[in-house]
Amino acid sequence: MNIQTISLLASAAGIAVNTLFIAPARADWAAIAYLRSTGSQGTIAEVKTAAEAAKSALNICGKSDCQVILTDERSCIAVAAGGDGVVAGGGDPEWASDAEERALESCNRRSSRYCRVVSSTCSNGGRSR
């Protein structure tokens, strides 16, 4: 029996029916944690909350002094690091490669040494080019 049939029967019987549809929680959050001194990193995607993403990224990073660099919902994110300790993040709603480019641009603007992407991920089914 579907919802329309139930509603029709309830209506015919004079019973008010309130229908509540609850969408399942989406797992659209991502986070990247990084430790400058060792280069350890933790990356997670497709989790339900920002807090869960941050906690998971820290756990994956595996060091007590790792720091969450970036969290975002329904997008691609990336973190770049320079040889002088500068760390920067970037995001893009669709493309991992664009998130990486933004992270590199941000890092290179602030760093006196060469920057490289240390991690990237997508929490939206995003793609790499």
N, C-alpha and C. Protein backbone atom coordinates (compact mmCIF):
# COMPACT_ATOMS: atom_id res chain seq x y z
N MET A 1 0.85 -1.17 0.00
CA MET A 1 0.00 0.00 0.00
C MET A 1 0.90 1.23 0.00
N ASN A 2 0.64 2.17 -0.91
CA ASN A 2 1.48 3.35 -0.97
C ASN A 2 0.86 4.51 -0.18
N ILE A 3 1.59 5.61 -0.10
CA ILE A 3 1.15 6.77 0.67
C ILE A 3 -0.15 7.34 0.13
N GLN A 4 -0.31 7.40 -1.19
CA GLN A 4 -1.54 7.95 -1.75
C GLN A 4 -2.74 7.10 -1.37
N THR A 5 -2.60 5.78 -1.40
CA THR A 5 -3.70 4.90 -1.03
C THR A 5 -4.06 5.08 0.44
N ILE A 6 -3.05 5.15 1.30
CA ILE A 6 -3.29 5.35 2.73
C ILE A 6 -4.00 6.68 2.97
N SER A 7 -3.52 7.73 2.31
CA SER A 7 -4.13 9.05 2.47
C SER A 7 -5.58 9.05 2.01
N LEU A 8 -5.86 8.40 0.88
CA LEU A 8 -7.21 8.33 0.35
C LEU A 8 -8.13 7.58 1.30
N LEU A 9 -7.70 6.44 1.82
CA LEU A 9 -8.50 5.66 2.76
C LEU A 9 -8.74 6.42 4.06
N ALA A 10 -7.70 7.08 4.55
CA ALA A 10 -7.85 7.86 5.78
C ALA A 10 -8.80 9.02 5.57
N SER A 11 -8.71 9.65 4.43
CA SER A 11 -9.59 10.78 4.11
C SER A 11 -11.04 10.31 4.04
N ALA A 12 -11.28 9.17 3.41
CA ALA A 12 -12.64 8.62 3.29
C ALA A 12 -13.20 8.27 4.66
N ALA A 13 -12.33 7.90 5.59
CA ALA A 13 -12.79 7.54 6.93
C ALA A 13 -12.88 8.76 7.83
N GLY A 14 -12.51 9.91 7.31
CA GLY A 14 -12.58 11.14 8.10
C GLY A 14 -11.43 11.31 9.06
N ILE A 15 -10.31 10.68 8.78
CA ILE A 15 -9.14 10.75 9.65
C ILE A 15 -8.11 11.67 8.99
N ALA A 16 -7.65 12.61 9.76
CA ALA A 16 -6.61 13.51 9.25
C ALA A 16 -5.26 12.79 9.27
N VAL A 17 -4.52 12.93 8.20
CA VAL A 17 -3.23 12.28 8.11
C VAL A 17 -2.18 13.34 7.82
N ASN A 18 -1.17 13.37 8.64
CA ASN A 18 -0.02 14.23 8.40
C ASN A 18 1.12 13.35 7.94
N THR A 19 1.68 13.64 6.80
CA THR A 19 2.77 12.84 6.27
C THR A 19 4.06 13.60 6.45
N LEU A 20 5.02 12.94 7.04
CA LEU A 20 6.33 13.55 7.27
C LEU A 20 7.37 12.69 6.58
N PHE A 21 8.07 13.31 5.67
CA PHE A 21 9.15 12.63 4.98
C PHE A 21 10.46 13.16 5.53
N ILE A 22 11.29 12.26 5.97
CA ILE A 22 12.59 12.64 6.50
C ILE A 22 13.64 12.08 5.55
N ALA A 23 14.35 12.98 4.95
CA ALA A 23 15.42 12.56 4.04
C ALA A 23 16.58 12.02 4.86
N PRO A 24 17.24 10.99 4.38
CA PRO A 24 18.40 10.49 5.11
C PRO A 24 19.49 11.55 5.14
N ALA A 25 20.25 11.54 6.23
CA ALA A 25 21.34 12.51 6.35
C ALA A 25 22.35 12.27 5.23
N ARG A 26 22.74 13.36 4.59
CA ARG A 26 23.71 13.24 3.51
C ARG A 26 25.12 13.27 4.08
N ALA A 27 25.96 12.53 3.48
CA ALA A 27 27.37 12.48 3.89
C ALA A 27 28.18 13.31 2.91
N ASP A 28 28.17 14.61 3.14
CA ASP A 28 28.75 15.54 2.18
C ASP A 28 29.92 16.36 2.72
N TRP A 29 30.46 16.02 3.87
CA TRP A 29 31.53 16.81 4.46
C TRP A 29 32.89 16.17 4.21
N ALA A 30 33.90 17.00 4.07
CA ALA A 30 35.28 16.55 3.91
C ALA A 30 36.19 17.41 4.79
N ALA A 31 37.33 16.86 5.14
CA ALA A 31 38.31 17.61 5.94
C ALA A 31 39.72 17.10 5.63
N ILE A 32 40.68 18.01 5.80
CA ILE A 32 42.09 17.66 5.67
C ILE A 32 42.82 18.20 6.89
N ALA A 33 43.53 17.32 7.58
CA ALA A 33 44.38 17.71 8.71
C ALA A 33 45.84 17.54 8.27
N TYR A 34 46.72 18.34 8.85
CA TYR A 34 48.12 18.33 8.43
C TYR A 34 49.01 18.71 9.59
N LEU A 35 50.21 18.14 9.60
CA LEU A 35 51.22 18.49 10.60
C LEU A 35 52.46 18.98 9.87
N ARG A 36 52.73 20.27 10.01
CA ARG A 36 53.84 20.89 9.27
C ARG A 36 55.19 20.22 9.53
N SER A 37 55.46 19.91 10.78
CA SER A 37 56.80 19.43 11.14
C SER A 37 57.15 18.07 10.53
N THR A 38 56.16 17.22 10.30
CA THR A 38 56.45 15.88 9.77
C THR A 38 55.86 15.63 8.39
N GLY A 39 54.90 16.46 7.99
CA GLY A 39 54.21 16.23 6.73
C GLY A 39 53.09 15.21 6.83
N SER A 40 52.82 14.73 8.03
CA SER A 40 51.70 13.80 8.21
C SER A 40 50.41 14.48 7.83
N GLN A 41 49.53 13.73 7.19
CA GLN A 41 48.24 14.31 6.81
C GLN A 41 47.14 13.29 6.96
N GLY A 42 45.94 13.78 7.16
CA GLY A 42 44.76 12.93 7.23
C GLY A 42 43.67 13.54 6.38
N THR A 43 43.10 12.76 5.51
CA THR A 43 42.08 13.24 4.59
C THR A 43 40.86 12.34 4.67
N ILE A 44 39.69 12.94 4.76
CA ILE A 44 38.44 12.18 4.84
C ILE A 44 37.38 12.90 4.02
N ALA A 45 36.49 12.13 3.43
CA ALA A 45 35.37 12.71 2.67
C ALA A 45 34.13 11.85 2.87
N GLU A 46 33.00 12.43 2.50
CA GLU A 46 31.72 11.73 2.54
C GLU A 46 31.30 11.34 3.95
N VAL A 47 31.44 12.28 4.90
CA VAL A 47 30.93 12.07 6.25
C VAL A 47 29.79 13.03 6.52
N LYS A 48 29.02 12.78 7.58
CA LYS A 48 27.75 13.48 7.78
C LYS A 48 27.85 14.89 8.36
N THR A 49 28.89 15.16 9.15
CA THR A 49 28.99 16.49 9.77
C THR A 49 30.41 17.03 9.66
N ALA A 50 30.51 18.34 9.84
CA ALA A 50 31.83 18.97 9.84
C ALA A 50 32.66 18.47 11.02
N ALA A 51 32.02 18.31 12.17
CA ALA A 51 32.73 17.83 13.36
C ALA A 51 33.26 16.41 13.15
N GLU A 52 32.45 15.55 12.56
CA GLU A 52 32.88 14.18 12.28
C GLU A 52 34.03 14.17 11.28
N ALA A 53 33.95 15.03 10.27
CA ALA A 53 35.02 15.11 9.27
C ALA A 53 36.32 15.56 9.93
N ALA A 54 36.26 16.60 10.75
CA ALA A 54 37.46 17.11 11.41
C ALA A 54 38.07 16.06 12.33
N LYS A 55 37.24 15.42 13.13
CA LYS A 55 37.73 14.40 14.07
C LYS A 55 38.37 13.23 13.32
N SER A 56 37.73 12.80 12.25
CA SER A 56 38.27 11.68 11.46
C SER A 56 39.59 12.06 10.79
N ALA A 57 39.68 13.27 10.25
CA ALA A 57 40.92 13.71 9.60
C ALA A 57 42.06 13.76 10.62
N LEU A 58 41.78 14.24 11.82
CA LEU A 58 42.80 14.27 12.88
C LEU A 58 43.25 12.86 13.25
N ASN A 59 42.29 11.95 13.37
CA ASN A 59 42.63 10.56 13.70
C ASN A 59 43.49 9.92 12.61
N ILE A 60 43.15 10.17 11.36
CA ILE A 60 43.91 9.62 10.24
C ILE A 60 45.32 10.21 10.20
N CYS A 61 45.42 11.49 10.50
CA CYS A 61 46.73 12.16 10.53
C CYS A 61 47.64 11.47 11.54
N GLY A 62 47.07 11.08 12.67
CA GLY A 62 47.77 10.20 13.59
C GLY A 62 48.73 10.83 14.57
N LYS A 63 48.87 12.10 14.59
CA LYS A 63 49.77 12.77 15.53
C LYS A 63 48.95 13.71 16.40
N SER A 64 49.31 13.83 17.67
CA SER A 64 48.52 14.64 18.60
C SER A 64 48.52 16.12 18.25
N ASP A 65 49.53 16.58 17.52
CA ASP A 65 49.58 18.00 17.18
C ASP A 65 49.19 18.31 15.73
N CYS A 66 48.55 17.36 15.05
CA CYS A 66 47.98 17.65 13.73
C CYS A 66 46.92 18.73 13.87
N GLN A 67 46.75 19.52 12.84
CA GLN A 67 45.74 20.57 12.83
C GLN A 67 44.83 20.41 11.62
N VAL A 68 43.54 20.65 11.83
CA VAL A 68 42.61 20.65 10.71
C VAL A 68 42.86 21.93 9.92
N ILE A 69 43.20 21.79 8.66
CA ILE A 69 43.49 22.94 7.81
C ILE A 69 42.23 23.41 7.10
N LEU A 70 41.39 22.47 6.69
CA LEU A 70 40.24 22.83 5.87
C LEU A 70 39.13 21.81 6.03
N THR A 71 37.90 22.29 6.17
CA THR A 71 36.71 21.45 6.07
C THR A 71 35.75 22.16 5.12
N ASP A 72 34.96 21.39 4.41
CA ASP A 72 33.97 21.99 3.52
C ASP A 72 32.89 20.98 3.22
N GLU A 73 31.77 21.49 2.81
CA GLU A 73 30.61 20.66 2.50
C GLU A 73 30.32 20.71 1.01
N ARG A 74 30.07 19.56 0.43
CA ARG A 74 29.71 19.43 -0.98
C ARG A 74 30.68 20.15 -1.91
N SER A 75 31.94 19.87 -1.75
CA SER A 75 32.92 20.48 -2.65
C SER A 75 34.21 19.67 -2.65
N CYS A 76 35.14 20.09 -3.47
CA CYS A 76 36.47 19.52 -3.49
C CYS A 76 37.38 20.46 -2.71
N ILE A 77 38.29 19.89 -1.93
CA ILE A 77 39.22 20.70 -1.14
C ILE A 77 40.63 20.18 -1.33
N ALA A 78 41.60 21.07 -1.11
CA ALA A 78 43.01 20.70 -1.24
C ALA A 78 43.83 21.53 -0.27
N VAL A 79 44.96 20.98 0.12
CA VAL A 79 45.92 21.68 0.98
C VAL A 79 47.28 21.60 0.31
N ALA A 80 47.97 22.76 0.31
CA ALA A 80 49.33 22.85 -0.22
C ALA A 80 50.25 23.34 0.89
N ALA A 81 51.51 22.90 0.86
CA ALA A 81 52.48 23.31 1.87
C ALA A 81 53.76 23.76 1.19
N GLY A 82 54.36 24.79 1.78
CA GLY A 82 55.64 25.30 1.28
C GLY A 82 56.78 24.81 2.14
N GLY A 83 57.98 24.85 1.62
CA GLY A 83 59.16 24.40 2.35
C GLY A 83 59.47 25.21 3.58
N ASP A 84 58.87 26.40 3.71
CA ASP A 84 59.12 27.25 4.86
C ASP A 84 58.03 27.13 5.92
N GLY A 85 57.15 26.13 5.81
CA GLY A 85 56.11 25.91 6.81
C GLY A 85 54.78 26.54 6.51
N VAL A 86 54.67 27.32 5.43
CA VAL A 86 53.40 27.91 5.05
C VAL A 86 52.47 26.81 4.56
N VAL A 87 51.24 26.82 5.05
CA VAL A 87 50.22 25.86 4.63
C VAL A 87 48.99 26.64 4.21
N ALA A 88 48.38 26.25 3.10
CA ALA A 88 47.19 26.96 2.62
C ALA A 88 46.21 25.96 2.03
N GLY A 89 44.93 26.29 2.11
CA GLY A 89 43.89 25.44 1.55
C GLY A 89 43.15 26.15 0.44
N GLY A 90 42.46 25.35 -0.36
CA GLY A 90 41.64 25.90 -1.44
C GLY A 90 40.51 24.94 -1.73
N GLY A 91 39.43 25.48 -2.29
CA GLY A 91 38.29 24.64 -2.61
C GLY A 91 37.67 25.00 -3.94
N ASP A 92 36.88 24.08 -4.46
CA ASP A 92 36.15 24.27 -5.69
C ASP A 92 34.89 23.41 -5.61
N PRO A 93 33.76 23.93 -6.07
CA PRO A 93 32.53 23.16 -5.95
C PRO A 93 32.48 21.89 -6.79
N GLU A 94 33.37 21.75 -7.78
CA GLU A 94 33.24 20.62 -8.68
C GLU A 94 34.53 19.85 -8.94
N TRP A 95 35.65 20.53 -9.10
CA TRP A 95 36.86 19.89 -9.61
C TRP A 95 37.97 19.85 -8.57
N ALA A 96 38.53 18.65 -8.34
CA ALA A 96 39.68 18.50 -7.44
C ALA A 96 40.89 19.26 -7.98
N SER A 97 41.09 19.22 -9.28
CA SER A 97 42.25 19.90 -9.87
C SER A 97 42.17 21.41 -9.67
N ASP A 98 40.97 21.98 -9.70
CA ASP A 98 40.82 23.42 -9.45
C ASP A 98 41.06 23.75 -7.97
N ALA A 99 40.61 22.87 -7.08
CA ALA A 99 40.88 23.07 -5.65
C ALA A 99 42.38 23.04 -5.40
N GLU A 100 43.08 22.11 -6.04
CA GLU A 100 44.54 22.03 -5.89
C GLU A 100 45.22 23.29 -6.41
N GLU A 101 44.75 23.78 -7.54
CA GLU A 101 45.33 25.01 -8.12
C GLU A 101 45.14 26.19 -7.17
N ARG A 102 43.97 26.30 -6.59
CA ARG A 102 43.70 27.41 -5.64
C ARG A 102 44.56 27.29 -4.40
N ALA A 103 44.72 26.07 -3.88
CA ALA A 103 45.58 25.87 -2.71
C ALA A 103 47.02 26.26 -3.03
N LEU A 104 47.51 25.85 -4.20
CA LEU A 104 48.87 26.22 -4.61
C LEU A 104 49.03 27.72 -4.77
N GLU A 105 48.07 28.36 -5.40
CA GLU A 105 48.14 29.82 -5.59
C GLU A 105 48.19 30.53 -4.24
N SER A 106 47.34 30.11 -3.31
CA SER A 106 47.30 30.73 -1.99
C SER A 106 48.61 30.50 -1.24
N CYS A 107 49.13 29.30 -1.31
CA CYS A 107 50.39 28.99 -0.65
C CYS A 107 51.55 29.78 -1.25
N ASN A 108 51.63 29.80 -2.58
CA ASN A 108 52.73 30.49 -3.25
C ASN A 108 52.71 32.00 -3.02
N ARG A 109 51.53 32.59 -2.79
CA ARG A 109 51.46 34.03 -2.48
C ARG A 109 52.10 34.33 -1.13
N ARG A 110 52.07 33.38 -0.21
CA ARG A 110 52.55 33.62 1.16
C ARG A 110 53.90 32.98 1.46
N SER A 111 54.31 32.02 0.65
CA SER A 111 55.52 31.27 0.95
C SER A 111 56.72 31.83 0.18
N SER A 112 57.87 31.76 0.80
CA SER A 112 59.10 32.17 0.11
C SER A 112 59.76 30.98 -0.57
N ARG A 113 59.20 29.80 -0.38
CA ARG A 113 59.74 28.58 -0.99
C ARG A 113 58.66 27.85 -1.75
N TYR A 114 59.08 26.94 -2.58
CA TYR A 114 58.19 26.16 -3.45
C TYR A 114 57.09 25.46 -2.65
N CYS A 115 55.84 25.55 -3.14
CA CYS A 115 54.71 24.87 -2.51
C CYS A 115 54.32 23.64 -3.33
N ARG A 116 53.78 22.65 -2.65
CA ARG A 116 53.27 21.45 -3.32
C ARG A 116 51.97 21.04 -2.66
N VAL A 117 51.09 20.39 -3.43
CA VAL A 117 49.84 19.88 -2.89
C VAL A 117 50.17 18.66 -2.04
N VAL A 118 49.66 18.67 -0.79
CA VAL A 118 49.91 17.53 0.09
C VAL A 118 48.69 16.61 0.17
N SER A 119 47.51 17.13 -0.16
CA SER A 119 46.31 16.29 -0.14
C SER A 119 45.15 17.01 -0.82
N SER A 120 44.25 16.20 -1.39
CA SER A 120 43.01 16.75 -1.92
C SER A 120 41.95 15.65 -1.91
N THR A 121 40.70 16.07 -1.86
CA THR A 121 39.58 15.13 -1.87
C THR A 121 38.31 15.85 -2.27
N CYS A 122 37.29 15.10 -2.61
CA CYS A 122 35.98 15.66 -2.95
C CYS A 122 34.89 14.99 -2.12
N SER A 123 33.96 15.79 -1.64
CA SER A 123 32.84 15.25 -0.87
C SER A 123 31.53 15.42 -1.65
N ASN A 124 31.64 15.59 -2.95
CA ASN A 124 30.46 15.84 -3.76
C ASN A 124 30.45 14.96 -5.00
N GLY A 125 31.26 13.93 -4.98
CA GLY A 125 31.41 13.13 -6.20
C GLY A 125 32.23 13.87 -7.22
N GLY A 126 32.97 14.90 -6.78
CA GLY A 126 33.76 15.73 -7.69
C GLY A 126 34.77 14.92 -8.47
N ARG A 127 35.29 15.53 -9.47
CA ARG A 127 36.16 14.82 -10.40
C ARG A 127 37.52 15.49 -10.52
N SER A 128 38.47 14.72 -10.92
CA SER A 128 39.79 15.25 -11.27
C SER A 128 39.86 15.35 -12.78
N ARG A 129 40.53 16.37 -13.25
CA ARG A 129 40.72 16.52 -14.69
C ARG A 129 42.02 15.90 -15.09
